[in-house]
Amino acid sequence: MKTYDWSLWVFRKTSSFPKRFRHSLTERLECDTLALERALIEANTRRGAERARHLDQADAVLESLRLNVRRSFDLQCMAASSYEFAAKALNEIGRLLGAWKQSTARRRP
């Protein structure tokens, strides 16, 4: 599961962020990562409009993650190689999420 791999990477990476970002940026990245997983799990157990609602929630959280990963790089909490990895991973999750959203939309009456 891509989101599980992502969450492991995030928790490992944020443990080395500077202490001044522990209660802000680190916490936000970790909470959003768990929120993304939760929204996808909820979507997987639903059908129709309920599934679409959870997928939309996951999409919003994904955008927040992208923003905070960029912020982490700009604040020099992560190296360029880590930023590149994170951006690619989030883009892949985004492509999968987008395909799932399209599939769900086609099935809805």
Foldseek 3Di string as FASTA:
>chain_A
DLLVVVLVVLVVLLVQFDPVCVPPLSVLLNVLSVLLVVLCVQLVVDAAPSNLVSLVVNVVSLVVNLVSLVVCVVVVSDDPVVSVVNVVSSVVVVVVSVVVNVVRVVPHD
